[in-house]
Amino acid sequence: MPSRICRVPIVRVLTFISVTAGAIAPLHAQQGAASPASLAALSPIMQCEKLAQAEISATVGAPTHITSAKAIADAKPAPYCEVKGYVEPAIQFEVHLPLKTWTQRYVQTGCGGLCGTLNVRLEHAEGCLPATNGELALASTDMGHEGSSDGSFGSQDYQLRIDFAYRGVHVTALAAKALIEKFYGQAPKYSYFAGCSDGGREALVEAERFPRDFNGITAGAPAMNFVTQNTFYHGWNVLVNTSTDGKQILTADKLPVLHKTAVEQCDALDGLEDGLISDPVACHVDPSKVECKAGQDSASCLTAAQVKVARELYAGAHDAAGKKLVLSGPLPGSELAWEGVFVQSASAKTLMSPTISTGALKYLVYEKNPEPSYTLSALKFDGETFASTTKLHSLYDATDPDLSAFASTGGKLILWHGLSDPHISPLNTIAYFTAMQKTMGGAAVDKFARLYLFPGGYHCSGGEGPFDVNLLGAIVAWVEGGKRPDTLIASHATSGTLDRTRPVYPYPYTAKYTGKGSIDDAKNFVKGPAQPADAARLKWLGSSFFTPHYELWCTGKGLAMDCKKTEN
C-alpha cells in the first residue's frame, strides 16, 4: 500500500483533562497537518545478496567496495536488505533497503562526537508513518575511520581528516543512491538527511557544500563551529573548573543548587513560572545569591571558589580583556546536564570535555600536530592562540550562511536546538540563522528554512522541557506537501507517562500562555512576541567565520594536504 501520511501537528496534537491521581489523562487528538506525497511501495528487481557484486565506483567517483549484502528477514518494523561497504580509503557505510515496503524515500542519518561507528538510527521521527512502517531506505557512515573517539585518526593520514570533515557524508549519499537504483530499478523520489551534534554539522556540510544531495535536511544542535567548539569551549570548561591540585572545584552535588537559583532568577522572564527558562539568552544568573554564609549547611550553597567557576562557565572562553573566543558558555537552565560533560560525576570517572578537547588539539585542528606529550593545560586563551588554532576552520566548520544553491533546488532546512544543551551553546545556531538572514535576506530564508528552539531541552534529546517532536515528519511534509511548518508540538514524559505538551514556534517567536487552563497543555498557548537575540550577544572573535564561500576543498596524502578554494 502507498504511504499517505507522515502527519505533523501544526495547530495542536493533544488536549487533556485535569490531573487525576497525579496523572494527566488524554481526552482526544485534534490535528491540523500537512502530509507528504502519496507514493507507491516498490518491490526490488533483484535479490538482496546479488548487491554484493554491485559495481558503483563510477557513480560514486571513487573506488567503492561492497563487503556484504544480506536479508534481515526478522527486522522490525519491516524486513530489509543490509548492505555494507566502503569508499576508499576507509569510508565505511551501511545501507538498509526495505524488501517489500519501500515508498521511494531515502534518509541518511548523521553520527555524533568524532563519529567512528556505523549508526543507522532514526530519532525525532515518532508519528511519521513512512518511518514507523519501515518504508524508508536508510544509510549512515563512520566518516572514514573506526573508533578513535580521541581524534587520533587525524595523525595517521590527513585524507582521513578530509573524509571526516566533509567527504564521508557526500560519497555515502552517492553510494546509497546508486545501490537504491540498482535494487529497485529507480533512484529515490525524495532524499533526506537527519542529524544532531556532529550529525547536525554533517547536515549543514551537505546543504553548504553539496546542495543537490538532499531535498530536505534537519540539523540539530549542529557542531558547526567544530574547531572552537572542540578546543576553546570544552577546554575552557575543564580548565576553569580545575584547581591547582588537579581537583574539580564545582562538583556535581552542587549543580542542583546552581540550577535552582538560575530558575528562580530567570523562570519568570517569559511571564510564566513553569520551571523552565524559556529565554536563557536574556537570562543573567548571579551565582553569588547562593554563596555560603556563615553557619549555612554547605550542601545547600556554593563556596566562593565555586561561585567564581560558575560565572566563568556561563561567560564562556574569553581572553584577559574579555573578548569572546566562543559565542557563549552553557546557557542558564542547563546546569543539571553539566554532570559527566565537564563536571565530574560521583559514579563515572571519565568526562567528555577533556577527552574531546585534548584529542582535537593533539590530532585534528593544527596543520602540524603538537608533540605527543601535549596536554590540555598548554591551551592558552588569547587572540594569538585563537588565530593559530582556527586555521583549519575552513576545512571542518559548517558556517557558510549562503544556502542559495540549496534553496534553488527546492531544498528545505529545519535547524533545531535544545536551549539547555550543555555540549553546544544554542547561540551558535542562532548566530548561524541570523547570518543566513543577513546574507540572503529574511524573506528568502523564510521560504526554505526554519529554526526551532526547545526550552529545557538537552543535547539532541531529553531534558526538563518538552523535547519529543516529529521533526522528520515536519521536513517530509514541507518538502512533499509544500506547506511551510509553523507550530510544532513538543511533548515531555516522565517514566513513560506524558506530562506536558508545548507548542514551539519558528525563531524568533515564543510561546505565550493564554492565562487559562493547564500550563502543561499545548492548547493553552499561542504565538508570543518575537524575541531575537541581542546582536551584541552574537559578536565574538570568530564572527567572520559566518562568511559565504570560505570553504577549503582538500586532498590528502600522508601528513600533508593540498587545499583550494574551489572543489577539486
Protein backbone atom coordinates (compact mmCIF):
# COMPACT_ATOMS: atom_id res chain seq x y z
CA MET A 1 0.00 0.00 0.00
CA PRO A 2 1.25 3.53 -0.67
CA SER A 3 2.18 5.71 2.27
CA ARG A 4 -0.22 8.63 2.56
CA ILE A 5 0.56 10.03 5.98
CA CYS A 6 3.55 11.37 7.85
CA ARG A 7 1.34 13.62 9.88
CA VAL A 8 2.83 16.67 11.52
CA PRO A 9 0.91 18.57 14.21
CA ILE A 10 0.58 22.15 13.04
CA VAL A 11 -2.01 23.52 15.44
CA ARG A 12 -2.47 21.11 18.30
CA VAL A 13 -1.83 17.47 18.90
CA LEU A 14 -3.33 16.63 22.26
CA THR A 15 -5.58 18.06 24.89
CA PHE A 16 -6.01 16.71 28.33
CA ILE A 17 -8.37 16.85 31.24
CA SER A 18 -7.45 17.59 34.81
CA VAL A 19 -4.95 15.69 36.85
CA THR A 20 -6.34 12.55 38.40
CA ALA A 21 -4.20 10.71 40.92
CA GLY A 22 -1.17 12.56 39.67
CA ALA A 23 -1.61 11.57 36.02
CA ILE A 24 -2.68 13.63 33.04
CA ALA A 25 -5.32 11.79 31.06
CA PRO A 26 -5.53 12.34 27.31
CA LEU A 27 -9.00 13.20 26.05
CA HIS A 28 -8.74 13.47 22.30
CA ALA A 29 -6.39 14.22 19.45
CA GLN A 30 -7.05 17.16 17.19
CA GLN A 31 -4.62 17.61 14.35
CA GLY A 32 -4.19 20.04 11.55
CA ALA A 33 -1.43 18.58 9.45
CA ALA A 34 0.43 18.69 6.21
CA SER A 35 1.04 15.35 4.55
CA PRO A 36 3.69 14.00 2.20
CA ALA A 37 3.21 12.81 -1.33
CA SER A 38 1.32 9.59 -1.90
CA LEU A 39 3.97 7.22 -3.24
CA ALA A 40 3.56 3.59 -4.16
CA ALA A 41 5.64 0.92 -2.47
CA LEU A 42 8.11 -0.60 -4.94
CA SER A 43 9.48 -4.12 -4.90
CA PRO A 44 13.13 -4.95 -5.58
CA ILE A 45 14.07 -6.06 -9.07
CA MET A 46 16.92 -8.27 -7.87
CA GLN A 47 17.87 -10.48 -4.95
CA CYS A 48 19.44 -8.77 -1.98
CA GLU A 49 22.54 -10.95 -1.94
CA LYS A 50 23.40 -10.01 -5.53
CA LEU A 51 24.13 -6.47 -4.40
CA ALA A 52 27.41 -7.84 -3.03
CA GLN A 53 28.63 -7.87 -6.65
CA ALA A 54 27.33 -4.39 -7.44
CA GLU A 55 29.83 -2.08 -9.13
CA ILE A 56 29.12 1.53 -8.22
CA SER A 57 32.58 3.13 -8.25
CA ALA A 58 31.89 5.20 -11.37
CA THR A 59 28.76 6.70 -9.84
CA VAL A 60 30.49 7.46 -6.54
CA GLY A 61 33.54 8.89 -8.28
CA ALA A 62 35.97 6.86 -6.18
CA PRO A 63 36.82 3.16 -5.73
CA THR A 64 33.89 1.68 -3.83
CA HIS A 65 33.69 -1.87 -2.48
CA ILE A 66 30.64 -3.81 -1.28
CA THR A 67 31.67 -6.14 1.55
CA SER A 68 28.33 -7.79 2.35
CA ALA A 69 24.67 -7.89 1.38
CA LYS A 70 22.17 -9.96 3.31
CA ALA A 71 18.43 -10.01 4.00
CA ILE A 72 17.36 -9.25 7.60
CA ALA A 73 14.07 -11.10 7.48
CA ASP A 74 13.04 -10.64 11.12
CA ALA A 75 13.78 -6.92 11.30
CA LYS A 76 11.25 -4.57 12.85
CA PRO A 77 9.24 -2.76 11.68
CA ALA A 78 9.87 -4.40 8.30
CA PRO A 79 12.43 -6.73 6.67
CA TYR A 80 15.28 -5.10 4.78
CA CYS A 81 18.40 -5.82 2.80
CA GLU A 82 21.50 -4.81 4.76
CA VAL A 83 24.39 -3.68 2.57
CA LYS A 84 27.81 -2.77 3.91
CA GLY A 85 30.81 -1.42 2.07
CA TYR A 86 33.41 1.30 1.93
CA VAL A 87 34.69 4.07 -0.27
CA GLU A 88 38.48 4.26 -0.43
CA PRO A 89 40.44 4.85 1.61
CA ALA A 90 38.22 3.83 4.53
CA ILE A 91 34.77 5.47 4.49
CA GLN A 92 32.52 2.67 5.70
CA PHE A 93 28.79 2.82 5.07
CA GLU A 94 25.73 0.75 5.86
CA VAL A 95 22.51 0.86 3.85
CA HIS A 96 19.10 -0.62 4.74
CA LEU A 97 16.80 -1.31 1.78
CA PRO A 98 13.23 -2.43 2.60
CA LEU A 99 12.35 -5.74 0.93
CA LYS A 100 8.63 -5.04 0.47
CA THR A 101 7.74 -1.63 1.84
CA TRP A 102 9.96 0.97 0.13
CA THR A 103 7.97 4.09 -0.77
CA GLN A 104 10.69 5.79 -2.81
CA ARG A 105 12.28 7.80 0.03
CA TYR A 106 15.86 7.80 1.28
CA VAL A 107 17.01 9.07 4.69
CA GLN A 108 20.68 9.38 5.67
CA THR A 109 21.43 9.77 9.36
CA GLY A 110 24.37 11.51 10.94
CA CYS A 111 26.55 10.49 13.86
CA GLY A 112 27.89 12.21 16.96
CA GLY A 113 31.17 13.10 18.62
CA LEU A 114 34.00 12.32 16.23
CA CYS A 115 31.96 9.52 14.67
CA GLY A 116 33.96 6.32 14.01
CA THR A 117 30.96 3.98 14.18
CA LEU A 118 28.12 2.96 11.87
CA ASN A 119 24.85 4.08 13.39
CA VAL A 120 21.73 3.75 11.23
CA ARG A 121 19.19 5.21 13.63
CA LEU A 122 16.20 7.49 13.22
CA GLU A 123 15.35 9.91 16.01
CA HIS A 124 12.63 12.53 16.42
CA ALA A 125 10.51 10.62 13.92
CA GLU A 126 7.67 9.48 16.20
CA GLY A 127 4.38 9.66 14.32
CA CYS A 128 5.96 9.70 10.87
CA LEU A 129 4.39 6.62 9.28
CA PRO A 130 6.95 6.11 6.49
CA ALA A 131 9.47 5.74 9.33
CA THR A 132 7.41 3.68 11.74
CA ASN A 133 6.19 1.39 8.94
CA GLY A 134 9.70 0.66 7.68
CA GLU A 135 9.15 2.36 4.31
CA LEU A 136 12.42 4.29 4.18
CA ALA A 137 15.76 3.34 2.69
CA LEU A 138 18.31 4.30 5.36
CA ALA A 139 22.06 4.75 5.46
CA SER A 140 24.86 6.08 7.61
CA THR A 141 28.65 6.27 7.61
CA ASP A 142 31.54 6.18 10.06
CA MET A 143 33.02 9.26 8.32
CA GLY A 144 36.17 7.45 7.28
CA HIS A 145 37.64 5.94 10.45
CA GLU A 146 36.83 3.33 13.08
CA GLY A 147 36.68 4.16 16.76
CA SER A 148 39.25 6.83 17.60
CA SER A 149 36.97 8.89 19.81
CA ASP A 150 40.06 10.84 20.85
CA GLY A 151 40.68 12.04 17.28
CA SER A 152 43.93 10.10 16.82
CA PHE A 153 42.90 9.18 13.27
CA GLY A 154 43.97 12.73 12.43
CA SER A 155 47.59 11.78 12.98
CA GLN A 156 47.53 8.77 10.63
CA ASP A 157 46.71 10.16 7.19
CA TYR A 158 45.37 13.64 6.50
CA GLN A 159 42.93 12.23 3.95
CA LEU A 160 41.09 10.82 6.97
CA ARG A 161 40.71 14.37 8.25
CA ILE A 162 39.14 15.41 4.95
CA ASP A 163 36.84 12.41 4.90
CA PHE A 164 35.66 13.26 8.41
CA ALA A 165 35.36 16.96 7.64
CA TYR A 166 33.04 16.68 4.63
CA ARG A 167 33.77 13.93 2.10
CA GLY A 168 32.36 10.96 4.03
CA VAL A 169 28.74 12.10 4.12
CA HIS A 170 28.75 13.03 0.43
CA VAL A 171 30.19 9.83 -1.01
CA THR A 172 27.92 7.81 1.28
CA ALA A 173 24.93 9.61 -0.22
CA LEU A 174 26.19 8.79 -3.72
CA ALA A 175 26.84 5.14 -2.82
CA ALA A 176 23.47 4.66 -1.13
CA LYS A 177 21.56 6.20 -4.03
CA ALA A 178 23.45 4.03 -6.51
CA LEU A 179 22.53 0.90 -4.53
CA ILE A 180 18.91 2.03 -4.31
CA GLU A 181 18.74 2.45 -8.07
CA LYS A 182 20.23 -0.98 -8.70
CA PHE A 183 17.98 -2.69 -6.17
CA TYR A 184 14.66 -1.09 -7.13
CA GLY A 185 15.34 -0.01 -10.69
CA GLN A 186 14.93 3.67 -9.89
CA ALA A 187 16.51 6.40 -7.80
CA PRO A 188 14.71 7.72 -4.69
CA LYS A 189 11.97 10.23 -5.36
CA TYR A 190 12.93 12.20 -2.25
CA SER A 191 16.12 12.21 -0.19
CA TYR A 192 16.54 13.49 3.36
CA PHE A 193 19.35 13.98 5.87
CA ALA A 194 18.74 13.96 9.63
CA GLY A 195 21.49 14.51 12.17
CA CYS A 196 22.28 16.06 15.54
CA SER A 197 25.52 17.25 17.16
CA ASP A 198 28.28 16.34 14.72
CA GLY A 199 25.43 14.92 12.69
CA GLY A 200 23.99 18.43 12.68
CA ARG A 201 27.32 19.71 11.36
CA GLU A 202 27.25 16.99 8.71
CA ALA A 203 23.74 18.10 7.77
CA LEU A 204 24.93 21.67 7.19
CA VAL A 205 28.00 20.42 5.32
CA GLU A 206 25.59 18.81 2.89
CA ALA A 207 23.46 21.94 2.49
CA GLU A 208 26.51 24.17 2.05
CA ARG A 209 28.92 22.03 0.01
CA PHE A 210 26.65 19.52 -1.77
CA PRO A 211 23.30 21.30 -2.24
CA ARG A 212 21.90 18.70 -4.66
CA ASP A 213 22.33 15.63 -2.44
CA PHE A 214 19.15 16.06 -0.36
CA ASN A 215 15.69 17.57 -0.74
CA GLY A 216 15.19 18.10 2.97
CA ILE A 217 17.59 18.41 5.90
CA THR A 218 17.11 18.58 9.67
CA ALA A 219 20.18 19.84 11.54
CA GLY A 220 20.01 19.55 15.32
CA ALA A 221 22.43 21.18 17.77
CA PRO A 222 24.95 21.42 14.94
CA ALA A 223 28.63 21.42 15.91
CA MET A 224 29.11 23.89 13.05
CA ASN A 225 31.91 25.76 14.84
CA PHE A 226 33.74 22.46 15.07
CA VAL A 227 37.22 23.84 15.76
CA THR A 228 36.41 26.33 18.52
CA GLN A 229 33.74 24.03 19.97
CA ASN A 230 36.15 21.16 20.45
CA THR A 231 39.05 23.26 21.68
CA PHE A 232 38.18 26.52 23.46
CA TYR A 233 34.62 25.67 24.56
CA HIS A 234 35.30 22.28 26.10
CA GLY A 235 38.87 23.12 27.10
CA TRP A 236 37.77 26.25 28.98
CA ASN A 237 35.01 24.39 30.81
CA VAL A 238 37.55 21.85 32.06
CA LEU A 239 40.37 24.22 32.99
CA VAL A 240 38.37 26.90 34.82
CA ASN A 241 36.93 24.14 36.99
CA THR A 242 40.29 22.61 37.88
CA SER A 243 42.20 23.70 40.97
CA THR A 244 45.98 23.85 41.26
CA ASP A 245 45.97 20.37 42.83
CA GLY A 246 44.13 18.95 39.80
CA LYS A 247 40.77 18.52 41.55
CA GLN A 248 37.42 19.85 40.38
CA ILE A 249 36.13 22.95 42.13
CA LEU A 250 32.45 22.87 41.19
CA THR A 251 31.20 19.36 41.88
CA ALA A 252 28.12 17.51 40.70
CA ASP A 253 26.40 17.64 44.09
CA LYS A 254 26.23 21.45 43.82
CA LEU A 255 24.62 21.53 40.36
CA PRO A 256 21.03 21.30 41.71
CA VAL A 257 21.77 24.30 43.93
CA LEU A 258 23.02 26.32 40.97
CA HIS A 259 20.17 25.19 38.75
CA LYS A 260 17.59 26.12 41.37
CA THR A 261 18.84 29.68 41.65
CA ALA A 262 19.07 30.01 37.86
CA VAL A 263 15.41 29.03 37.53
CA GLU A 264 14.39 31.31 40.39
CA GLN A 265 16.16 34.25 38.77
CA CYS A 266 15.03 33.70 35.17
CA ASP A 267 11.94 31.48 35.01
CA ALA A 268 9.52 34.41 35.03
CA LEU A 269 11.21 36.30 32.18
CA ASP A 270 8.63 34.88 29.76
CA GLY A 271 5.73 35.82 32.02
CA LEU A 272 5.08 32.26 33.17
CA GLU A 273 6.64 30.42 36.11
CA ASP A 274 6.69 26.84 34.88
CA GLY A 275 10.10 25.58 35.97
CA LEU A 276 11.66 26.32 32.57
CA ILE A 277 13.90 29.13 31.43
CA SER A 278 12.35 29.89 28.06
CA ASP A 279 14.70 32.77 27.21
CA PRO A 280 18.11 31.77 28.56
CA VAL A 281 19.86 34.15 26.16
CA ALA A 282 18.36 37.10 28.06
CA CYS A 283 18.99 35.45 31.44
CA HIS A 284 21.93 36.65 33.51
CA VAL A 285 22.43 34.44 36.54
CA ASP A 286 24.13 35.80 39.63
CA PRO A 287 25.63 32.72 41.34
CA SER A 288 26.59 34.77 44.39
CA LYS A 289 22.96 34.60 45.51
CA VAL A 290 23.68 31.05 46.69
CA GLU A 291 27.15 31.69 48.08
CA CYS A 292 27.55 30.10 51.50
CA LYS A 293 27.02 32.29 54.52
CA ALA A 294 28.46 31.71 57.97
CA GLY A 295 26.86 28.70 59.61
CA GLN A 296 24.95 27.61 56.49
CA ASP A 297 24.75 23.94 55.54
CA SER A 298 27.42 23.58 52.83
CA ALA A 299 25.20 21.16 50.89
CA SER A 300 22.74 23.97 50.15
CA CYS A 301 25.15 26.59 48.87
CA LEU A 302 28.30 27.26 46.81
CA THR A 303 31.70 28.24 48.11
CA ALA A 304 33.25 31.49 46.88
CA ALA A 305 35.51 29.46 44.56
CA GLN A 306 32.51 27.58 43.13
CA VAL A 307 30.65 30.85 42.54
CA LYS A 308 33.65 32.13 40.56
CA VAL A 309 33.74 28.93 38.47
CA ALA A 310 30.01 29.15 37.74
CA ARG A 311 30.45 32.72 36.49
CA GLU A 312 33.29 31.67 34.19
CA LEU A 313 31.36 28.71 32.82
CA TYR A 314 28.37 30.90 31.95
CA ALA A 315 30.69 33.50 30.40
CA GLY A 316 32.47 31.01 28.14
CA ALA A 317 36.06 31.09 26.93
CA HIS A 318 37.49 34.59 26.71
CA ASP A 319 40.84 36.34 26.77
CA ALA A 320 42.19 38.55 29.55
CA ALA A 321 40.38 41.57 28.11
CA GLY A 322 37.05 39.76 27.98
CA LYS A 323 37.00 39.18 24.22
CA LYS A 324 34.96 36.08 23.48
CA LEU A 325 36.73 33.05 21.97
CA VAL A 326 33.39 31.21 21.71
CA LEU A 327 29.87 32.54 21.26
CA SER A 328 28.96 31.64 24.83
CA GLY A 329 29.31 29.12 27.57
CA PRO A 330 26.44 26.80 28.51
CA LEU A 331 23.24 28.79 28.90
CA PRO A 332 21.33 29.14 32.17
CA GLY A 333 18.96 26.23 32.71
CA SER A 334 21.45 23.61 31.51
CA GLU A 335 23.18 23.12 34.88
CA LEU A 336 21.81 19.66 35.67
CA ALA A 337 23.24 18.39 32.38
CA TRP A 338 26.80 19.57 33.12
CA GLU A 339 27.45 16.37 35.04
CA GLY A 340 29.53 13.93 33.02
CA VAL A 341 30.37 16.56 30.41
CA PHE A 342 32.68 18.95 32.26
CA VAL A 343 31.64 18.40 35.89
CA GLN A 344 32.75 15.15 37.45
CA SER A 345 30.06 12.64 38.33
CA ALA A 346 30.38 10.72 41.56
CA SER A 347 29.68 7.47 39.73
CA ALA A 348 31.51 8.00 36.41
CA LYS A 349 35.23 8.68 36.39
CA THR A 350 35.50 9.91 32.81
CA LEU A 351 34.46 13.25 31.39
CA MET A 352 33.57 14.08 27.81
CA SER A 353 35.05 17.59 27.64
CA PRO A 354 38.73 16.83 28.41
CA THR A 355 38.71 13.83 26.09
CA ILE A 356 37.36 15.61 23.06
CA SER A 357 39.27 18.87 23.57
CA THR A 358 42.61 17.17 24.15
CA GLY A 359 42.10 14.90 21.15
CA ALA A 360 41.12 17.74 18.84
CA LEU A 361 44.13 19.80 19.88
CA LYS A 362 46.59 16.91 19.59
CA TYR A 363 45.40 15.33 16.36
CA LEU A 364 42.96 17.42 14.30
CA VAL A 365 42.94 21.20 14.40
CA TYR A 366 46.58 22.06 13.66
CA GLU A 367 48.26 21.67 10.29
CA LYS A 368 51.17 20.14 12.18
CA ASN A 369 50.26 18.20 15.29
CA PRO A 370 51.90 19.20 18.58
CA GLU A 371 54.25 16.87 20.40
CA PRO A 372 52.70 13.64 21.75
CA SER A 373 53.28 14.93 25.28
CA TYR A 374 50.85 17.82 24.70
CA THR A 375 48.29 18.29 27.49
CA LEU A 376 45.18 20.41 27.73
CA SER A 377 46.82 22.67 30.30
CA ALA A 378 49.00 24.07 27.48
CA LEU A 379 45.98 25.70 25.81
CA LYS A 380 46.11 29.47 26.08
CA PHE A 381 43.09 31.72 25.87
CA ASP A 382 44.29 34.67 23.83
CA GLY A 383 43.94 36.13 20.34
CA GLU A 384 47.22 34.72 19.06
CA THR A 385 46.29 31.17 20.09
CA PHE A 386 42.80 31.65 18.63
CA ALA A 387 44.27 32.62 15.26
CA SER A 388 46.70 29.70 15.14
CA THR A 389 44.14 27.17 16.36
CA THR A 390 41.42 28.11 13.86
CA LYS A 391 43.46 28.00 10.65
CA LEU A 392 41.59 24.84 9.58
CA HIS A 393 38.19 26.35 10.31
CA SER A 394 37.68 26.38 6.52
CA LEU A 395 38.07 22.60 6.43
CA TYR A 396 35.99 21.41 9.37
CA ASP A 397 33.38 24.06 10.11
CA ALA A 398 29.95 24.39 8.53
CA THR A 399 29.16 28.09 8.88
CA ASP A 400 28.57 29.26 5.31
CA PRO A 401 25.36 31.33 5.53
CA ASP A 402 24.73 31.45 1.78
CA LEU A 403 22.46 28.50 1.06
CA SER A 404 21.08 29.96 -2.14
CA ALA A 405 22.26 26.95 -4.18
CA PHE A 406 20.42 24.58 -1.81
CA ALA A 407 17.32 26.77 -1.83
CA SER A 408 17.35 26.98 -5.64
CA THR A 409 16.97 23.20 -5.87
CA GLY A 410 13.82 23.40 -3.75
CA GLY A 411 15.68 22.18 -0.67
CA LYS A 412 14.18 22.73 2.78
CA LEU A 413 16.07 23.08 6.07
CA ILE A 414 14.97 22.77 9.70
CA LEU A 415 17.51 23.87 12.29
CA TRP A 416 16.73 22.90 15.89
CA HIS A 417 18.38 23.12 19.28
CA GLY A 418 17.60 22.39 22.92
CA LEU A 419 18.06 25.58 24.94
CA SER A 420 19.54 23.65 27.89
CA ASP A 421 22.22 21.95 25.79
CA PRO A 422 25.48 21.70 27.80
CA HIS A 423 27.59 20.43 24.89
CA ILE A 424 26.95 23.12 22.27
CA SER A 425 25.58 26.55 23.08
CA PRO A 426 22.35 27.28 21.16
CA LEU A 427 23.80 30.73 20.43
CA ASN A 428 25.86 29.06 17.70
CA THR A 429 22.70 28.01 15.87
CA ILE A 430 21.03 31.37 16.48
CA ALA A 431 24.10 33.19 15.13
CA TYR A 432 24.14 30.99 12.03
CA PHE A 433 20.45 31.51 11.30
CA THR A 434 20.88 35.25 11.83
CA ALA A 435 23.82 35.24 9.41
CA MET A 436 21.66 33.41 6.84
CA GLN A 437 19.05 36.15 7.11
CA LYS A 438 21.65 38.89 6.81
CA THR A 439 23.32 37.22 3.82
CA MET A 440 20.27 36.03 1.88
CA GLY A 441 17.56 38.31 3.19
CA GLY A 442 14.87 37.38 5.69
CA ALA A 443 12.18 36.79 3.07
CA ALA A 444 14.38 34.43 1.06
CA VAL A 445 15.33 32.43 4.16
CA ASP A 446 11.70 32.22 5.27
CA LYS A 447 10.83 30.36 2.08
CA PHE A 448 13.10 27.39 2.79
CA ALA A 449 14.45 27.41 6.37
CA ARG A 450 13.16 27.37 9.95
CA LEU A 451 14.84 27.42 13.36
CA TYR A 452 13.15 25.86 16.40
CA LEU A 453 14.44 26.27 19.97
CA PHE A 454 13.17 23.98 22.74
CA PRO A 455 13.15 25.38 26.31
CA GLY A 456 14.58 22.87 28.77
CA GLY A 457 15.83 20.56 26.00
CA TYR A 458 19.25 18.97 26.50
CA HIS A 459 21.73 17.87 23.82
CA CYS A 460 19.72 16.31 20.97
CA SER A 461 17.15 14.76 23.31
CA GLY A 462 15.98 14.63 26.90
CA GLY A 463 15.78 17.39 29.47
CA GLU A 464 13.24 19.04 31.73
CA GLY A 465 11.23 20.60 28.92
CA PRO A 466 9.12 19.11 26.10
CA PHE A 467 11.60 17.86 23.50
CA ASP A 468 9.93 14.87 21.85
CA VAL A 469 8.88 16.12 18.43
CA ASN A 470 8.30 14.69 14.97
CA LEU A 471 10.99 16.60 13.08
CA LEU A 472 11.30 14.05 10.30
CA GLY A 473 7.58 14.32 9.66
CA ALA A 474 7.86 18.09 9.55
CA ILE A 475 10.57 18.13 6.90
CA VAL A 476 8.92 15.40 4.81
CA ALA A 477 5.59 17.23 4.84
CA TRP A 478 7.29 20.50 3.91
CA VAL A 479 9.23 19.02 1.00
CA GLU A 480 6.43 16.86 -0.33
CA GLY A 481 3.32 18.67 0.87
CA GLY A 482 4.58 22.17 0.17
CA LYS A 483 3.37 23.66 3.45
CA ARG A 484 5.89 25.58 5.50
CA PRO A 485 5.81 24.37 9.12
CA ASP A 486 4.77 26.86 11.76
CA THR A 487 3.78 25.41 15.11
CA LEU A 488 5.47 22.19 16.20
CA ILE A 489 4.09 20.38 19.23
CA ALA A 490 6.72 19.02 21.59
CA SER A 491 5.95 16.64 24.43
CA HIS A 492 7.62 15.51 27.63
CA ALA A 493 7.15 12.27 29.51
CA THR A 494 8.28 11.08 32.93
CA SER A 495 8.76 7.34 33.35
CA GLY A 496 6.83 6.79 30.14
CA THR A 497 3.85 8.92 31.18
CA LEU A 498 3.06 12.04 29.16
CA ASP A 499 3.04 15.03 31.48
CA ARG A 500 3.46 18.13 29.31
CA THR A 501 2.99 19.35 25.75
CA ARG A 502 4.07 22.74 24.49
CA PRO A 503 3.95 24.50 21.12
CA VAL A 504 7.24 25.65 19.64
CA TYR A 505 7.19 28.42 17.07
CA PRO A 506 9.80 29.36 14.47
CA TYR A 507 12.56 31.58 15.87
CA PRO A 508 12.39 34.32 16.98
CA TYR A 509 8.76 33.79 18.07
CA THR A 510 7.90 32.49 21.51
CA ALA A 511 5.07 30.57 23.13
CA LYS A 512 2.74 32.67 25.29
CA TYR A 513 0.38 31.25 27.90
CA THR A 514 -3.23 32.38 27.40
CA GLY A 515 -3.77 32.62 31.14
CA LYS A 516 -6.38 29.88 31.22
CA GLY A 517 -6.15 26.12 31.60
CA SER A 518 -3.25 23.83 32.40
CA ILE A 519 0.24 25.12 31.68
CA ASP A 520 1.06 21.55 30.72
CA ASP A 521 -1.34 21.54 27.77
CA ALA A 522 -0.21 22.93 24.41
CA LYS A 523 -3.69 24.17 23.51
CA ASN A 524 -3.43 26.84 26.18
CA PHE A 525 -0.58 28.63 24.43
CA VAL A 526 -0.45 30.98 21.45
CA LYS A 527 2.32 32.53 19.42
CA GLY A 528 4.03 35.18 21.50
CA PRO A 529 6.16 38.15 20.51
CA ALA A 530 9.36 37.84 18.54
CA GLN A 531 12.40 37.90 20.82
CA PRO A 532 15.54 37.80 18.67
CA ALA A 533 18.87 37.59 20.43
CA ASP A 534 20.59 40.88 21.06
CA ALA A 535 23.11 41.48 18.27
CA ALA A 536 25.82 42.14 20.86
CA ARG A 537 25.48 38.58 22.14
CA LEU A 538 26.36 37.24 18.68
CA LYS A 539 29.70 39.03 18.40
CA TRP A 540 32.93 37.13 19.11
CA LEU A 541 36.40 36.66 17.65
CA GLY A 542 35.01 34.14 15.18
CA SER A 543 32.21 36.33 13.82
CA SER A 544 33.96 36.42 10.44
CA PHE A 545 33.58 32.64 10.20
CA PHE A 546 29.95 33.20 9.14
CA THR A 547 31.06 34.31 5.70
CA PRO A 548 29.85 32.97 2.33
CA HIS A 549 32.04 30.52 0.44
CA TYR A 550 35.01 30.34 2.80
CA GLU A 551 35.32 26.56 2.43
CA LEU A 552 38.53 24.75 1.57
CA TRP A 553 38.41 21.72 -0.71
CA CYS A 554 41.32 19.42 0.02
CA THR A 555 43.08 16.21 -0.90
CA GLY A 556 45.42 14.48 1.48
CA LYS A 557 48.37 12.17 1.32
CA GLY A 558 50.27 11.07 4.37
CA LEU A 559 50.69 14.01 6.75
CA ALA A 560 50.07 16.67 4.11
CA MET A 561 47.06 18.31 2.48
CA ASP A 562 46.62 20.23 -0.74
CA CYS A 563 43.73 22.68 -0.34
CA LYS A 564 41.97 25.08 -2.69
CA LYS A 565 39.03 27.45 -2.50
CA THR A 566 37.19 25.56 -5.25
CA GLU A 567 36.23 21.89 -5.38
CA ASN A 568 38.92 19.66 -6.88
